[in-house]
Amino acid sequence: MFGKSFSIGKTVKISLILVTLCSFVFITSNYNEFKELFNSYRTFLDELKENGILSPGPEPTNSRDKKILQVFEEIYSKADEMFTKYFNEDSELQLNIPAKLYKETNAKLYNYNVYYGRYLVNAVEGQPVDFNLINCETIFDKVHAEAIDSLFLNVYSSFTKDKKRLVAEEASNKRKMSIHPPVSRTGSQPSSSSRPSSMRLNSRTFQHTLDTIPSEQV
């Protein structure tokens, strides 16, 4: 009974660690791609920040305005992809992060989506655009940091629990050996009355629960 319970508990813990690891790998890959977009357009974005942005309108004619729409369309599409993967409540990859951080990032994504549509996609040509509001480079930084911390805590917690269990079992075995030492082949056999009445281990089960994260649909 004990062996079966331990095997199931260990399998569950390993599965949870693997799920956490996979989530970390996926979001890290997408996060790096998102950050790389800004790095690839760094010079152009710095120029926009320095000189300001005017809305190019729905049908830009000059190359600078066309590039503004192109760059921010790429950024918007990547941000939307990450939202769909990691924040949509119907997604299998929805992040298990603190509710406060989830709501904070969700709100930032919503505000960015509104501003992008209002001041770039559907704006009147020549309307001033606030670079700080249209620049969402750091929007996923806290989420990625939390994903790293979550992975570390899951793996470390599992390791420390297993270590404590092994130490406790070793101490228990030593106590049992002192009560019932091995019988020497050359000595006399102890009577049955001197043996412990039972050597059966109490069954244990290992359970692991995940806190549910409340979601806020955009």
C-alpha atoms as a PDB file:
ATOM      1  CA  MET A   1       0.000   0.000   0.000  1.00  0.00           C
ATOM      2  CA  PHE A   2       2.779   2.424   0.925  1.00  0.00           C
ATOM      3  CA  GLY A   3       4.751   1.667  -2.216  1.00  0.00           C
ATOM      4  CA  LYS A   4       1.714   2.261  -4.426  1.00  0.00           C
ATOM      5  CA  SER A   5       0.851   5.562  -2.725  1.00  0.00           C
ATOM      6  CA  PHE A   6       4.435   6.748  -2.982  1.00  0.00           C
ATOM      7  CA  SER A   7       4.621   5.816  -6.656  1.00  0.00           C
ATOM      8  CA  ILE A   8       1.423   7.743  -7.463  1.00  0.00           C
ATOM      9  CA  GLY A   9       2.528  10.758  -5.432  1.00  0.00           C
ATOM     10  CA  LYS A  10       5.934  10.814  -7.060  1.00  0.00           C
ATOM     11  CA  THR A  11       4.401  10.543 -10.539  1.00  0.00           C
ATOM     12  CA  VAL A  12       2.068  13.469  -9.822  1.00  0.00           C
ATOM     13  CA  LYS A  13       4.936  15.628  -8.585  1.00  0.00           C
ATOM     14  CA  ILE A  14       7.096  14.815 -11.593  1.00  0.00           C
ATOM     15  CA  SER A  15       4.192  15.589 -13.929  1.00  0.00           C
ATOM     16  CA  LEU A  16       3.588  18.955 -12.269  1.00  0.00           C
ATOM     17  CA  ILE A  17       7.263  19.853 -12.537  1.00  0.00           C
ATOM     18  CA  LEU A  18       7.281  18.904 -16.221  1.00  0.00           C
ATOM     19  CA  VAL A  19       4.177  21.028 -16.868  1.00  0.00           C
ATOM     20  CA  THR A  20       5.800  23.989 -15.118  1.00  0.00           C
ATOM     21  CA  LEU A  21       9.021  23.460 -17.072  1.00  0.00           C
ATOM     22  CA  CYS A  22       7.165  23.295 -20.400  1.00  0.00           C
ATOM     23  CA  SER A  23       5.232  26.470 -19.589  1.00  0.00           C
ATOM     24  CA  PHE A  24       8.498  28.196 -18.716  1.00  0.00           C
ATOM     25  CA  VAL A  25      10.125  27.086 -21.992  1.00  0.00           C
ATOM     26  CA  PHE A  26       7.151  28.260 -24.064  1.00  0.00           C
ATOM     27  CA  ILE A  27       6.775  31.676 -22.463  1.00  0.00           C
ATOM     28  CA  THR A  28      10.541  32.263 -22.436  1.00  0.00           C
ATOM     29  CA  SER A  29      10.717  31.537 -26.150  1.00  0.00           C
ATOM     30  CA  ASN A  30       7.805  33.885 -26.925  1.00  0.00           C
ATOM     31  CA  TYR A  31       9.092  36.501 -24.491  1.00  0.00           C
ATOM     32  CA  ASN A  32      12.518  36.530 -26.164  1.00  0.00           C
ATOM     33  CA  GLU A  33      10.901  36.842 -29.597  1.00  0.00           C
ATOM     34  CA  PHE A  34       8.817  39.756 -28.310  1.00  0.00           C
ATOM     35  CA  LYS A  35      11.870  41.544 -26.890  1.00  0.00           C
ATOM     36  CA  GLU A  36      13.848  40.876 -30.064  1.00  0.00           C
ATOM     37  CA  LEU A  37      11.260  42.833 -32.067  1.00  0.00           C
ATOM     38  CA  PHE A  38      12.153  45.960 -30.120  1.00  0.00           C
ATOM     39  CA  ASN A  39      15.874  45.279 -30.431  1.00  0.00           C
ATOM     40  CA  SER A  40      15.614  44.867 -34.197  1.00  0.00           C
ATOM     41  CA  TYR A  41      13.869  48.258 -34.502  1.00  0.00           C
ATOM     42  CA  ARG A  42      15.819  49.972 -31.731  1.00  0.00           C
ATOM     43  CA  THR A  43      17.253  52.791 -33.841  1.00  0.00           C
ATOM     44  CA  PHE A  44      13.885  53.610 -35.394  1.00  0.00           C
ATOM     45  CA  LEU A  45      12.058  53.479 -32.049  1.00  0.00           C
ATOM     46  CA  ASP A  46      14.657  55.740 -30.440  1.00  0.00           C
ATOM     47  CA  GLU A  47      14.151  58.230 -33.270  1.00  0.00           C
ATOM     48  CA  LEU A  48      10.384  58.166 -32.721  1.00  0.00           C
ATOM     49  CA  LYS A  49      10.846  58.684 -29.001  1.00  0.00           C
ATOM     50  CA  GLU A  50      13.179  61.612 -29.620  1.00  0.00           C
ATOM     51  CA  ASN A  51      11.225  63.398 -32.342  1.00  0.00           C
ATOM     52  CA  GLY A  52       7.665  62.343 -31.514  1.00  0.00           C
ATOM     53  CA  ILE A  53       4.996  60.497 -33.467  1.00  0.00           C
ATOM     54  CA  LEU A  54       2.054  61.788 -35.448  1.00  0.00           C
ATOM     55  CA  SER A  55      -0.634  59.375 -36.502  1.00  0.00           C
ATOM     56  CA  PRO A  56      -0.024  58.296 -40.101  1.00  0.00           C
ATOM     57  CA  GLY A  57      -3.731  57.838 -40.745  1.00  0.00           C
ATOM     58  CA  PRO A  58      -5.373  54.786 -42.310  1.00  0.00           C
ATOM     59  CA  GLU A  59      -3.613  55.200 -45.682  1.00  0.00           C
ATOM     60  CA  PRO A  60      -0.089  56.598 -45.193  1.00  0.00           C
ATOM     61  CA  THR A  61       1.785  57.848 -48.240  1.00  0.00           C
ATOM     62  CA  ASN A  62       5.368  58.461 -47.098  1.00  0.00           C
ATOM     63  CA  SER A  63       7.854  55.729 -46.135  1.00  0.00           C
ATOM     64  CA  ARG A  64       8.248  56.873 -42.509  1.00  0.00           C
ATOM     65  CA  ASP A  65       4.532  56.685 -41.791  1.00  0.00           C
ATOM     66  CA  LYS A  66       4.290  53.312 -43.513  1.00  0.00           C
ATOM     67  CA  LYS A  67       7.133  52.005 -41.372  1.00  0.00           C
ATOM     68  CA  ILE A  68       5.428  53.275 -38.207  1.00  0.00           C
ATOM     69  CA  LEU A  69       2.347  51.223 -39.015  1.00  0.00           C
ATOM     70  CA  GLN A  70       4.437  48.188 -40.003  1.00  0.00           C
ATOM     71  CA  VAL A  71       6.568  48.186 -36.837  1.00  0.00           C
ATOM     72  CA  PHE A  72       3.706  48.669 -34.400  1.00  0.00           C
ATOM     73  CA  GLU A  73       1.548  46.156 -36.250  1.00  0.00           C
ATOM     74  CA  GLU A  74       4.269  43.524 -35.676  1.00  0.00           C
ATOM     75  CA  ILE A  75       4.544  44.482 -32.015  1.00  0.00           C
ATOM     76  CA  TYR A  76       0.776  44.448 -31.557  1.00  0.00           C
ATOM     77  CA  SER A  77       0.434  41.043 -33.253  1.00  0.00           C
ATOM     78  CA  LYS A  78       3.095  39.494 -31.009  1.00  0.00           C
ATOM     79  CA  ALA A  79       1.554  40.979 -27.861  1.00  0.00           C
ATOM     80  CA  ASP A  80      -1.862  39.680 -28.931  1.00  0.00           C
ATOM     81  CA  GLU A  81      -0.393  36.215 -29.571  1.00  0.00           C
ATOM     82  CA  MET A  82       1.097  36.112 -26.076  1.00  0.00           C
ATOM     83  CA  PHE A  83      -2.184  37.246 -24.544  1.00  0.00           C
ATOM     84  CA  THR A  84      -4.073  34.494 -26.378  1.00  0.00           C
ATOM     85  CA  LYS A  85      -1.580  31.831 -25.275  1.00  0.00           C
ATOM     86  CA  TYR A  86      -0.932  32.803 -21.669  1.00  0.00           C
ATOM     87  CA  PHE A  87      -3.805  34.990 -20.439  1.00  0.00           C
ATOM     88  CA  ASN A  88      -6.914  33.726 -22.202  1.00  0.00           C
ATOM     89  CA  GLU A  89      -8.913  31.621 -19.724  1.00  0.00           C
ATOM     90  CA  ASP A  90      -9.612  29.017 -22.431  1.00  0.00           C
ATOM     91  CA  SER A  91      -5.946  28.455 -23.223  1.00  0.00           C
ATOM     92  CA  GLU A  92      -4.188  25.265 -22.089  1.00  0.00           C
ATOM     93  CA  LEU A  93      -1.058  27.375 -21.490  1.00  0.00           C
ATOM     94  CA  GLN A  94      -2.759  29.921 -19.233  1.00  0.00           C
ATOM     95  CA  LEU A  95      -0.163  31.014 -16.703  1.00  0.00           C
ATOM     96  CA  ASN A  96      -0.397  30.063 -13.053  1.00  0.00           C
ATOM     97  CA  ILE A  97       0.677  33.436 -11.669  1.00  0.00           C
ATOM     98  CA  PRO A  98      -0.562  35.549  -8.736  1.00  0.00           C
ATOM     99  CA  ALA A  99      -3.996  37.054  -9.325  1.00  0.00           C
ATOM    100  CA  LYS A 100      -2.699  40.588  -8.742  1.00  0.00           C
ATOM    101  CA  LEU A 101      -0.028  40.245 -11.436  1.00  0.00           C
ATOM    102  CA  TYR A 102      -2.505  38.587 -13.797  1.00  0.00           C
ATOM    103  CA  LYS A 103      -4.980  41.465 -13.448  1.00  0.00           C
ATOM    104  CA  GLU A 104      -2.242  44.086 -13.715  1.00  0.00           C
ATOM    105  CA  THR A 105      -0.837  42.645 -16.954  1.00  0.00           C
ATOM    106  CA  ASN A 106      -4.307  42.003 -18.332  1.00  0.00           C
ATOM    107  CA  ALA A 107      -5.231  45.652 -17.745  1.00  0.00           C
ATOM    108  CA  LYS A 108      -2.033  46.875 -19.412  1.00  0.00           C
ATOM    109  CA  LEU A 109      -2.698  44.703 -22.456  1.00  0.00           C
ATOM    110  CA  TYR A 110      -6.261  46.006 -22.661  1.00  0.00           C
ATOM    111  CA  ASN A 111      -5.164  49.657 -22.417  1.00  0.00           C
ATOM    112  CA  TYR A 112      -2.464  49.094 -25.010  1.00  0.00           C
ATOM    113  CA  ASN A 113      -4.960  47.461 -27.357  1.00  0.00           C
ATOM    114  CA  VAL A 114      -7.348  50.425 -27.028  1.00  0.00           C
ATOM    115  CA  TYR A 115      -4.612  53.029 -27.511  1.00  0.00           C
ATOM    116  CA  TYR A 116      -3.117  51.228 -30.500  1.00  0.00           C
ATOM    117  CA  GLY A 117      -6.477  51.030 -32.253  1.00  0.00           C
ATOM    118  CA  ARG A 118      -7.513  54.580 -31.420  1.00  0.00           C
ATOM    119  CA  TYR A 119      -4.290  56.476 -32.120  1.00  0.00           C
ATOM    120  CA  LEU A 120      -2.603  54.435 -34.850  1.00  0.00           C
ATOM    121  CA  VAL A 121      -5.047  52.216 -36.719  1.00  0.00           C
ATOM    122  CA  ASN A 122      -8.154  54.405 -36.714  1.00  0.00           C
ATOM    123  CA  ALA A 123      -6.738  57.840 -35.906  1.00  0.00           C
ATOM    124  CA  VAL A 124      -7.017  60.971 -38.009  1.00  0.00           C
ATOM    125  CA  GLU A 125      -3.774  61.741 -39.831  1.00  0.00           C
ATOM    126  CA  GLY A 126      -1.499  64.101 -37.912  1.00  0.00           C
ATOM    127  CA  GLN A 127      -2.903  63.339 -34.448  1.00  0.00           C
ATOM    128  CA  PRO A 128      -0.146  63.280 -31.768  1.00  0.00           C
ATOM    129  CA  VAL A 129       0.721  59.835 -30.386  1.00  0.00           C
ATOM    130  CA  ASP A 130       2.192  59.368 -26.895  1.00  0.00           C
ATOM    131  CA  PHE A 131       5.260  57.159 -27.346  1.00  0.00           C
ATOM    132  CA  ASN A 132       5.147  55.987 -23.717  1.00  0.00           C
ATOM    133  CA  LEU A 133       1.620  54.638 -24.220  1.00  0.00           C
ATOM    134  CA  ILE A 134       2.256  52.996 -27.570  1.00  0.00           C
ATOM    135  CA  ASN A 135       5.545  51.432 -26.433  1.00  0.00           C
ATOM    136  CA  CYS A 136       4.758  48.137 -24.637  1.00  0.00           C
ATOM    137  CA  GLU A 137       8.293  46.726 -24.502  1.00  0.00           C
ATOM    138  CA  THR A 138       8.235  45.980 -20.760  1.00  0.00           C
ATOM    139  CA  ILE A 139       4.643  44.749 -20.546  1.00  0.00           C
ATOM    140  CA  PHE A 140       5.625  41.073 -20.017  1.00  0.00           C
ATOM    141  CA  ASP A 141       8.784  41.591 -17.915  1.00  0.00           C
ATOM    142  CA  LYS A 142       7.136  40.905 -14.537  1.00  0.00           C
ATOM    143  CA  VAL A 143       5.275  37.899 -15.926  1.00  0.00           C
ATOM    144  CA  HIS A 144       8.465  36.320 -17.248  1.00  0.00           C
ATOM    145  CA  ALA A 145      10.280  36.934 -13.954  1.00  0.00           C
ATOM    146  CA  GLU A 146       7.373  35.321 -12.079  1.00  0.00           C
ATOM    147  CA  ALA A 147       7.519  32.294 -14.408  1.00  0.00           C
ATOM    148  CA  ILE A 148      11.196  31.804 -13.533  1.00  0.00           C
ATOM    149  CA  ASP A 149      10.485  32.110  -9.805  1.00  0.00           C
ATOM    150  CA  SER A 150       7.571  29.682 -10.079  1.00  0.00           C
ATOM    151  CA  LEU A 151       9.721  27.079 -11.821  1.00  0.00           C
ATOM    152  CA  PHE A 152      12.457  27.384  -9.195  1.00  0.00           C
ATOM    153  CA  LEU A 153      10.020  27.146  -6.280  1.00  0.00           C
ATOM    154  CA  ASN A 154       8.250  24.086  -7.718  1.00  0.00           C
ATOM    155  CA  VAL A 155      11.491  22.198  -8.311  1.00  0.00           C
ATOM    156  CA  TYR A 156      13.123  23.300  -5.045  1.00  0.00           C
ATOM    157  CA  SER A 157      10.021  22.517  -2.957  1.00  0.00           C
ATOM    158  CA  SER A 158       9.788  19.043  -4.474  1.00  0.00           C
ATOM    159  CA  PHE A 159      13.477  18.437  -3.775  1.00  0.00           C
ATOM    160  CA  THR A 160      13.302  19.544  -0.128  1.00  0.00           C
ATOM    161  CA  LYS A 161      10.155  17.488   0.533  1.00  0.00           C
ATOM    162  CA  ASP A 162      11.759  14.364  -0.912  1.00  0.00           C
ATOM    163  CA  LYS A 163      14.935  14.998   1.075  1.00  0.00           C
ATOM    164  CA  LYS A 164      12.990  15.347   4.339  1.00  0.00           C
ATOM    165  CA  ARG A 165      11.052  12.173   3.571  1.00  0.00           C
ATOM    166  CA  LEU A 166      14.246  10.205   2.918  1.00  0.00           C
ATOM    167  CA  VAL A 167      15.866  11.496   6.122  1.00  0.00           C
ATOM    168  CA  ALA A 168      12.743  10.581   8.136  1.00  0.00           C
ATOM    169  CA  GLU A 169      12.604   7.091   6.613  1.00  0.00           C
ATOM    170  CA  GLU A 170      16.293   6.530   7.318  1.00  0.00           C
ATOM    171  CA  ALA A 171      15.829   7.552  10.956  1.00  0.00           C
ATOM    172  CA  SER A 172      12.778   5.291  11.218  1.00  0.00           C
ATOM    173  CA  ASN A 173      14.704   2.345   9.804  1.00  0.00           C
ATOM    174  CA  LYS A 174      17.521   2.897  12.296  1.00  0.00           C
ATOM    175  CA  ARG A 175      15.048   2.879  15.187  1.00  0.00           C
ATOM    176  CA  LYS A 176      13.507  -0.362  13.953  1.00  0.00           C
ATOM    177  CA  MET A 177      16.918  -1.957  13.593  1.00  0.00           C
ATOM    178  CA  SER A 178      17.760  -1.034  17.187  1.00  0.00           C
ATOM    179  CA  ILE A 179      14.495  -2.625  18.401  1.00  0.00           C
ATOM    180  CA  HIS A 180      14.838  -5.712  16.235  1.00  0.00           C
ATOM    181  CA  PRO A 181      18.518  -6.283  15.361  1.00  0.00           C
ATOM    182  CA  PRO A 182      19.500  -8.851  12.710  1.00  0.00           C
ATOM    183  CA  VAL A 183      19.573 -12.446  14.016  1.00  0.00           C
ATOM    184  CA  SER A 184      23.006 -14.063  14.101  1.00  0.00           C
ATOM    185  CA  ARG A 185      23.138 -17.423  12.328  1.00  0.00           C
ATOM    186  CA  THR A 186      25.357 -18.885  15.047  1.00  0.00           C
ATOM    187  CA  GLY A 187      23.353 -17.556  17.978  1.00  0.00           C
ATOM    188  CA  SER A 188      20.046 -18.599  19.377  1.00  0.00           C
ATOM    189  CA  GLN A 189      16.836 -17.494  17.659  1.00  0.00           C
ATOM    190  CA  PRO A 190      14.781 -14.972  19.614  1.00  0.00           C
ATOM    191  CA  SER A 191      11.361 -16.101  20.649  1.00  0.00           C
ATOM    192  CA  SER A 192       8.338 -14.811  18.781  1.00  0.00           C
ATOM    193  CA  SER A 193       7.189 -12.959  21.872  1.00  0.00           C
ATOM    194  CA  SER A 194      10.315 -10.745  21.793  1.00  0.00           C
ATOM    195  CA  ARG A 195       9.614  -9.492  18.272  1.00  0.00           C
ATOM    196  CA  PRO A 196       7.597  -6.348  17.511  1.00  0.00           C
ATOM    197  CA  SER A 197       3.918  -7.145  17.119  1.00  0.00           C
ATOM    198  CA  SER A 198       3.805  -5.488  13.699  1.00  0.00           C
ATOM    199  CA  MET A 199       6.292  -4.192  11.098  1.00  0.00           C
ATOM    200  CA  ARG A 200       3.628  -2.770   8.769  1.00  0.00           C
ATOM    201  CA  LEU A 201       4.141   0.824   7.632  1.00  0.00           C
ATOM    202  CA  ASN A 202       1.244   3.216   7.717  1.00  0.00           C
ATOM    203  CA  SER A 203       0.120   4.104   4.210  1.00  0.00           C
ATOM    204  CA  ARG A 204       0.784   7.608   2.984  1.00  0.00           C
ATOM    205  CA  THR A 205      -0.505   9.573   0.097  1.00  0.00           C
ATOM    206  CA  PHE A 206       1.127  12.547  -1.516  1.00  0.00           C
ATOM    207  CA  GLN A 207      -1.145  15.257  -2.844  1.00  0.00           C
ATOM    208  CA  HIS A 208      -0.289  18.380  -4.759  1.00  0.00           C
ATOM    209  CA  THR A 209      -2.807  21.089  -5.459  1.00  0.00           C
ATOM    210  CA  LEU A 210      -2.560  24.147  -7.673  1.00  0.00           C
ATOM    211  CA  ASP A 211      -4.168  27.396  -6.660  1.00  0.00           C
ATOM    212  CA  THR A 212      -6.711  28.471  -9.202  1.00  0.00           C
ATOM    213  CA  ILE A 213      -6.106  31.863 -10.657  1.00  0.00           C
ATOM    214  CA  PRO A 214      -9.091  34.097 -11.167  1.00  0.00           C
ATOM    215  CA  SER A 215      -9.207  35.436 -14.665  1.00  0.00           C
ATOM    216  CA  GLU A 216     -10.427  38.671 -16.060  1.00  0.00           C
ATOM    217  CA  GLN A 217     -11.624  38.477 -19.633  1.00  0.00           C
ATOM    218  CA  VAL A 218     -10.781  41.384 -21.874  1.00  0.00           C
END
